[in-house]
Amino acid sequence: MKDAFGRKINYLRISLTDRCNLRCKYCMPEEGVNKFLHDDMLTLEEVFEIAKVFVELGIDKIRLTGGEPLVRKGILGLIKNLSSLDGVKELAMTTNGTLLKDYAGALKEAGLNRLNISLDTLNEEKYKAITRGGDLKSTLQGIEEAKKLGLEPIKINTVLIGGFNDDEIESLVGITEKEEIDIRFIELMPIGQAATWAKEKFIPTSLVLDKVKNLVPIPKEDISSPATYYKLPNGKGRVGLINPISCKFCAHCNRIRLTSQGKLKLCLHSNAEVDIKTALRSGQDLKKLILDSIEKKEESHNLDEGKYISRNMNQIGG
């Protein structure tokens, strides 16, 4: 499945819910989210039906996101169904890790292949502040449980925030010296209600290279990956830099997103959406709709003029 610019689209990110047990400042409003009516949301059965169509069209990597995907009831059954689809080479999840201690074993048994875990600080008080009440210990316990059960490779996603965690870069990079864990630093994106705040706190990922001089670049194996990887000499893990703002990777974008309300987003930084849920429920030809939509995928995003998207990150799935 290719778009109008010849890019192979093989990666689908599915947001299962916009709800979360945390309230990260760059992701969702402090007051939480309004509860949607049941009919406004895709059922997990519908998610599976839509995913089957995408896999038939060439999607071979699926990532489950939220909000926090582990707060969605029935998720283990969905994972088991998705993992059984012929053609799915990788089934992954992005989570804040707070529920992993209890879920890791069941996730692996259901067929989940790998995890990305969001973690912006190693300081308990700072973690509580950025998540508006979260407990760092629960996330660290979740990471340990995932490691123990072999749910690897584990990638930790750290959003760089000026004046908040730029003083922890060396400590976070240090994890990769003895652990087979990738630490990926991601530039803060101006999205939704947090757009102005994010713009004020923005720092480029190049700061990581300024602070840790002995990082060695690693040849890029997958050009569609947004991360550029480095490692410490003799380090077991890698350090990734993801630069959606300072250095776009649109030319090799291979991903699309399905929101929990059944909207297909072709670009994270665009307000344009395709109503897959209504099409499914009205019996439309989903394959044709998807292929026609892929043809309209944007060549690149442009944030230079302050045209930020209106949805919050928890509503999109990252």
Protein backbone atom coordinates (compact mmCIF):
# COMPACT_ATOMS: atom_id res chain seq x y z
CA MET A 1 0.00 0.00 0.00
CA LYS A 2 1.66 3.22 -1.18
CA ASP A 3 0.65 6.87 -1.03
CA ALA A 4 0.85 9.46 -3.79
CA PHE A 5 4.52 10.12 -2.97
CA GLY A 6 5.60 6.50 -3.22
CA ARG A 7 5.90 5.92 0.51
CA LYS A 8 5.05 2.39 1.64
CA ILE A 9 2.40 2.56 4.38
CA ASN A 10 2.74 -0.51 6.60
CA TYR A 11 2.37 0.82 10.16
CA LEU A 12 -0.98 1.39 11.90
CA ARG A 13 -1.26 3.00 15.34
CA ILE A 14 -4.61 2.31 17.02
CA SER A 15 -5.79 4.46 19.92
CA LEU A 16 -8.09 2.33 22.08
CA THR A 17 -9.16 5.09 24.46
CA ASP A 18 -8.54 8.74 25.19
CA ARG A 19 -8.80 8.03 28.92
CA CYS A 20 -5.77 7.67 31.13
CA ASN A 21 -4.91 7.13 34.76
CA LEU A 22 -2.39 10.00 34.53
CA ARG A 23 -2.76 13.64 33.47
CA CYS A 24 0.56 14.46 31.78
CA LYS A 25 0.76 18.18 31.10
CA TYR A 26 1.67 17.87 27.40
CA CYS A 27 -0.89 15.15 26.70
CA MET A 28 -4.27 15.90 28.24
CA PRO A 29 -6.22 18.54 30.19
CA GLU A 30 -5.85 18.66 33.97
CA GLU A 31 -9.57 18.01 34.42
CA GLY A 32 -9.38 14.82 32.35
CA VAL A 33 -11.62 14.05 29.40
CA ASN A 34 -15.33 14.15 28.73
CA LYS A 35 -16.83 10.69 28.60
CA PHE A 36 -18.09 9.79 25.15
CA LEU A 37 -21.29 7.90 24.58
CA HIS A 38 -20.81 4.20 23.91
CA ASP A 39 -21.86 4.60 20.26
CA ASP A 40 -19.23 7.31 19.74
CA MET A 41 -16.44 4.82 20.35
CA LEU A 42 -15.25 1.90 18.29
CA THR A 43 -16.01 -1.38 19.99
CA LEU A 44 -13.06 -3.73 20.27
CA GLU A 45 -14.83 -6.02 17.79
CA GLU A 46 -14.95 -3.11 15.33
CA VAL A 47 -11.29 -2.32 15.96
CA PHE A 48 -10.46 -5.89 15.02
CA GLU A 49 -12.62 -5.81 11.87
CA ILE A 50 -10.97 -2.58 10.73
CA ALA A 51 -7.50 -3.89 11.56
CA LYS A 52 -8.16 -7.02 9.45
CA VAL A 53 -8.87 -4.83 6.44
CA PHE A 54 -5.70 -2.82 6.98
CA VAL A 55 -3.62 -6.00 7.27
CA GLU A 56 -5.13 -7.31 4.04
CA LEU A 57 -3.97 -4.06 2.41
CA GLY A 58 -0.39 -4.44 3.62
CA ILE A 59 -0.18 -3.23 7.22
CA ASP A 60 2.28 -5.52 9.02
CA LYS A 61 3.00 -3.50 12.17
CA ILE A 62 0.31 -2.50 14.66
CA ARG A 63 0.82 -0.43 17.80
CA LEU A 64 -1.87 -0.04 20.46
CA THR A 65 -1.96 3.31 22.21
CA GLY A 66 -4.30 5.49 24.26
CA GLY A 67 -4.64 7.57 26.41
CA GLU A 68 -3.50 4.59 28.38
CA PRO A 69 -4.45 1.41 26.47
CA LEU A 70 -4.39 -0.79 29.58
CA VAL A 71 -7.43 0.99 31.04
CA ARG A 72 -9.56 -0.31 28.15
CA LYS A 73 -11.55 -3.36 29.27
CA GLY A 74 -11.15 -6.39 27.03
CA ILE A 75 -7.75 -5.39 25.67
CA LEU A 76 -6.22 -8.84 26.20
CA GLY A 77 -8.81 -10.46 23.95
CA LEU A 78 -8.13 -7.88 21.25
CA ILE A 79 -4.39 -8.49 21.44
CA LYS A 80 -4.93 -12.23 21.11
CA ASN A 81 -7.09 -11.69 18.01
CA LEU A 82 -4.70 -9.22 16.41
CA SER A 83 -1.70 -11.45 17.03
CA SER A 84 -3.45 -14.28 15.18
CA LEU A 85 -3.79 -12.29 11.95
CA ASP A 86 -1.62 -13.56 9.09
CA GLY A 87 0.63 -10.76 7.97
CA VAL A 88 1.15 -9.05 11.33
CA LYS A 89 4.89 -9.14 11.93
CA GLU A 90 4.92 -6.90 14.99
CA LEU A 91 2.27 -6.12 17.61
CA ALA A 92 3.39 -3.46 20.05
CA MET A 93 2.00 -1.16 22.72
CA THR A 94 2.82 2.26 24.11
CA THR A 95 1.97 2.56 27.80
CA ASN A 96 2.79 4.71 30.81
CA GLY A 97 3.77 1.49 32.57
CA THR A 98 1.80 2.07 35.77
CA LEU A 99 -0.32 -1.08 35.26
CA LEU A 100 2.40 -3.25 33.73
CA LYS A 101 3.30 -5.04 36.94
CA ASP A 102 -0.11 -6.74 36.85
CA TYR A 103 -0.51 -7.00 33.06
CA ALA A 104 2.91 -7.90 31.66
CA GLY A 105 2.51 -11.68 31.86
CA ALA A 106 -0.95 -11.69 30.34
CA LEU A 107 0.16 -9.32 27.57
CA LYS A 108 2.99 -11.61 26.55
CA GLU A 109 0.74 -14.67 26.66
CA ALA A 110 -1.85 -12.90 24.49
CA GLY A 111 0.77 -12.26 21.81
CA LEU A 112 2.18 -8.77 22.39
CA ASN A 113 5.70 -8.51 20.99
CA ARG A 114 7.18 -5.33 22.38
CA LEU A 115 6.65 -2.30 24.60
CA ASN A 116 7.33 1.42 24.53
CA ILE A 117 7.05 2.94 27.99
CA SER A 118 6.63 6.66 28.60
CA LEU A 119 8.95 7.97 31.32
CA ASP A 120 10.02 11.62 31.46
CA THR A 121 11.93 11.70 34.75
CA LEU A 122 13.62 9.48 37.33
CA ASN A 123 12.73 11.88 40.13
CA GLU A 124 9.64 10.96 42.17
CA GLU A 125 8.51 14.52 42.87
CA LYS A 126 9.04 15.65 39.29
CA TYR A 127 7.19 12.58 38.02
CA LYS A 128 4.27 13.42 40.30
CA ALA A 129 4.29 16.99 39.00
CA ILE A 130 4.43 16.26 35.24
CA THR A 131 1.80 13.49 35.50
CA ARG A 132 -0.31 15.48 37.97
CA GLY A 133 -0.28 12.85 40.70
CA GLY A 134 1.38 9.74 39.27
CA ASP A 135 3.59 7.34 41.26
CA LEU A 136 7.01 6.74 39.73
CA LYS A 137 7.47 3.49 41.65
CA SER A 138 4.58 1.80 39.84
CA THR A 139 6.12 2.56 36.45
CA LEU A 140 9.57 1.36 37.50
CA GLN A 141 8.04 -1.84 38.89
CA GLY A 142 6.22 -2.32 35.58
CA ILE A 143 9.46 -1.98 33.63
CA GLU A 144 11.16 -4.54 35.87
CA GLU A 145 8.28 -6.99 35.44
CA ALA A 146 8.38 -6.61 31.65
CA LYS A 147 12.14 -7.24 31.68
CA LYS A 148 11.76 -10.30 33.89
CA LEU A 149 9.17 -11.82 31.56
CA GLY A 150 11.17 -11.09 28.42
CA LEU A 151 8.79 -8.54 26.89
CA GLU A 152 11.68 -7.06 24.97
CA PRO A 153 13.11 -5.01 23.45
CA ILE A 154 11.88 -2.29 25.79
CA LYS A 155 12.00 1.30 24.62
CA ILE A 156 11.58 4.16 27.07
CA ASN A 157 10.15 7.32 25.53
CA THR A 158 11.27 10.54 27.22
CA VAL A 159 9.79 13.85 26.13
CA LEU A 160 12.41 16.57 26.51
CA ILE A 161 11.02 19.52 28.45
CA GLY A 162 13.05 22.65 29.00
CA GLY A 163 13.63 23.50 32.65
CA PHE A 164 12.17 20.16 33.73
CA ASN A 165 14.24 17.15 32.69
CA ASP A 166 17.14 18.58 30.68
CA ASP A 167 19.25 18.13 33.84
CA GLU A 168 18.53 14.36 33.78
CA ILE A 169 19.79 13.62 30.28
CA GLU A 170 23.07 12.08 31.48
CA SER A 171 21.28 9.90 34.05
CA LEU A 172 18.76 8.63 31.52
CA VAL A 173 21.46 7.90 28.94
CA GLY A 174 23.38 6.08 31.68
CA ILE A 175 20.63 3.44 31.88
CA THR A 176 21.69 2.15 28.47
CA GLU A 177 25.22 1.39 29.66
CA LYS A 178 24.21 -1.71 31.62
CA GLU A 179 20.63 -2.37 30.49
CA GLU A 180 19.42 -3.69 27.13
CA ILE A 181 16.91 -0.84 27.03
CA ASP A 182 16.61 1.93 24.45
CA ILE A 183 16.10 5.46 25.78
CA ARG A 184 14.47 7.64 23.14
CA PHE A 185 14.41 11.40 23.60
CA ILE A 186 11.47 13.04 21.82
CA GLU A 187 11.00 16.72 21.09
CA LEU A 188 8.00 18.31 22.79
CA MET A 189 5.28 18.81 20.18
CA PRO A 190 2.81 21.74 20.19
CA ILE A 191 -0.45 19.82 20.14
CA GLY A 192 -3.98 20.59 21.36
CA GLN A 193 -4.56 22.60 24.52
CA ALA A 194 -0.89 22.29 25.50
CA ALA A 195 0.44 23.90 22.30
CA THR A 196 1.49 27.20 23.84
CA TRP A 197 3.00 25.54 26.92
CA ALA A 198 4.90 23.11 24.71
CA LYS A 199 6.29 25.87 22.55
CA GLU A 200 7.63 27.68 25.62
CA LYS A 201 9.27 24.53 27.00
CA PHE A 202 10.72 23.25 23.72
CA ILE A 203 14.36 22.15 23.54
CA PRO A 204 15.92 20.25 20.60
CA THR A 205 17.17 16.69 21.00
CA SER A 206 20.58 17.89 19.81
CA LEU A 207 21.05 18.92 23.44
CA VAL A 208 21.56 15.22 24.24
CA LEU A 209 24.63 15.13 22.00
CA ASP A 210 25.92 18.34 23.57
CA LYS A 211 25.64 16.88 27.07
CA VAL A 212 26.87 13.34 26.34
CA LYS A 213 29.90 13.76 24.12
CA ASN A 214 30.90 10.10 23.88
CA LEU A 215 27.76 8.84 22.14
CA VAL A 216 28.61 6.91 18.98
CA PRO A 217 26.22 7.01 16.00
CA ILE A 218 24.68 3.74 14.82
CA PRO A 219 23.94 3.18 11.10
CA LYS A 220 20.23 3.45 10.43
CA GLU A 221 18.71 0.07 9.55
CA ASP A 222 15.11 1.22 9.02
CA ILE A 223 14.71 4.51 7.14
CA SER A 224 11.06 4.72 8.16
CA SER A 225 12.00 4.85 11.85
CA PRO A 226 11.74 8.39 13.23
CA ALA A 227 14.68 7.79 15.57
CA THR A 228 18.35 8.31 14.90
CA TYR A 229 20.28 5.99 17.20
CA TYR A 230 23.51 6.30 19.15
CA LYS A 231 25.12 4.27 21.90
CA LEU A 232 27.67 4.61 24.64
CA PRO A 233 30.98 2.78 24.03
CA ASN A 234 30.31 -0.81 25.17
CA GLY A 235 26.75 0.17 26.11
CA LYS A 236 24.11 -2.57 26.04
CA GLY A 237 21.21 -0.33 25.01
CA ARG A 238 20.76 2.48 22.52
CA VAL A 239 19.97 6.18 22.71
CA GLY A 240 17.45 7.42 20.17
CA LEU A 241 16.70 10.98 19.11
CA ILE A 242 13.32 11.77 17.59
CA ASN A 243 13.05 15.24 16.07
CA PRO A 244 9.54 15.94 14.70
CA ILE A 245 10.09 19.69 15.10
CA SER A 246 13.75 20.51 14.44
CA CYS A 247 14.31 17.84 11.77
CA LYS A 248 11.24 16.32 10.16
CA PHE A 249 11.19 12.71 8.90
CA CYS A 250 8.13 13.07 6.66
CA ALA A 251 9.92 11.83 3.54
CA HIS A 252 10.04 8.32 5.00
CA CYS A 253 6.76 8.35 6.96
CA ASN A 254 5.13 4.91 6.84
CA ARG A 255 2.40 5.35 9.46
CA ILE A 256 -1.24 6.19 9.85
CA ARG A 257 -3.44 6.43 12.95
CA LEU A 258 -6.89 5.25 13.94
CA THR A 259 -8.47 7.13 16.85
CA SER A 260 -10.70 5.53 19.46
CA GLN A 261 -13.67 7.26 17.81
CA GLY A 262 -12.89 5.63 14.50
CA LYS A 263 -11.23 8.52 12.69
CA LEU A 264 -8.33 7.79 10.37
CA LYS A 265 -5.52 10.34 10.70
CA LEU A 266 -3.01 10.31 7.87
CA CYS A 267 -0.66 12.77 9.57
CA LEU A 268 -0.20 13.41 13.29
CA HIS A 269 0.07 17.16 12.77
CA SER A 270 -3.00 17.58 10.56
CA ASN A 271 -6.62 18.14 11.59
CA ALA A 272 -7.80 16.20 8.53
CA GLU A 273 -9.59 12.95 9.41
CA VAL A 274 -11.49 10.20 7.60
CA ASP A 275 -14.58 8.72 9.29
CA ILE A 276 -13.88 4.98 9.24
CA LYS A 277 -16.42 4.17 11.96
CA THR A 278 -19.40 5.53 10.05
CA ALA A 279 -18.21 3.81 6.89
CA LEU A 280 -17.96 0.49 8.71
CA ARG A 281 -21.37 0.77 10.34
CA SER A 282 -23.06 1.81 7.10
CA GLY A 283 -21.58 -1.07 5.12
CA GLN A 284 -19.32 0.98 2.86
CA ASP A 285 -16.37 -0.56 1.05
CA LEU A 286 -13.60 -0.02 3.62
CA LYS A 287 -10.79 -1.14 1.33
CA LYS A 288 -11.71 1.45 -1.28
CA LEU A 289 -12.15 4.19 1.32
CA ILE A 290 -8.77 3.42 2.90
CA LEU A 291 -6.92 3.24 -0.41
CA ASP A 292 -8.52 6.49 -1.59
CA SER A 293 -7.59 8.12 1.71
CA ILE A 294 -3.97 6.95 1.56
CA GLU A 295 -3.69 8.69 -1.79
CA LYS A 296 -4.42 11.96 0.04
CA LYS A 297 -1.81 11.53 2.79
CA GLU A 298 0.07 14.81 3.24
CA GLU A 299 3.59 15.06 1.88
CA SER A 300 4.76 16.74 5.09
CA HIS A 301 3.59 18.69 8.10
CA ASN A 302 4.25 22.40 8.62
CA LEU A 303 4.33 23.82 12.13
CA ASP A 304 6.29 26.96 11.25
CA GLU A 305 3.20 29.15 10.98
CA GLY A 306 1.71 28.14 14.32
CA LYS A 307 -1.01 25.99 12.73
CA TYR A 308 -1.24 23.38 15.47
CA ILE A 309 -3.84 20.63 15.57
CA SER A 310 -6.80 20.97 17.91
CA ARG A 311 -6.94 17.44 19.35
CA ASN A 312 -4.96 16.66 22.49
CA MET A 313 -2.33 13.93 22.31
CA ASN A 314 -4.44 11.53 24.39
CA GLN A 315 -7.13 11.68 21.70
CA ILE A 316 -4.74 10.72 18.92
CA GLY A 317 -2.44 8.08 20.34
CA GLY A 318 0.86 9.77 19.47
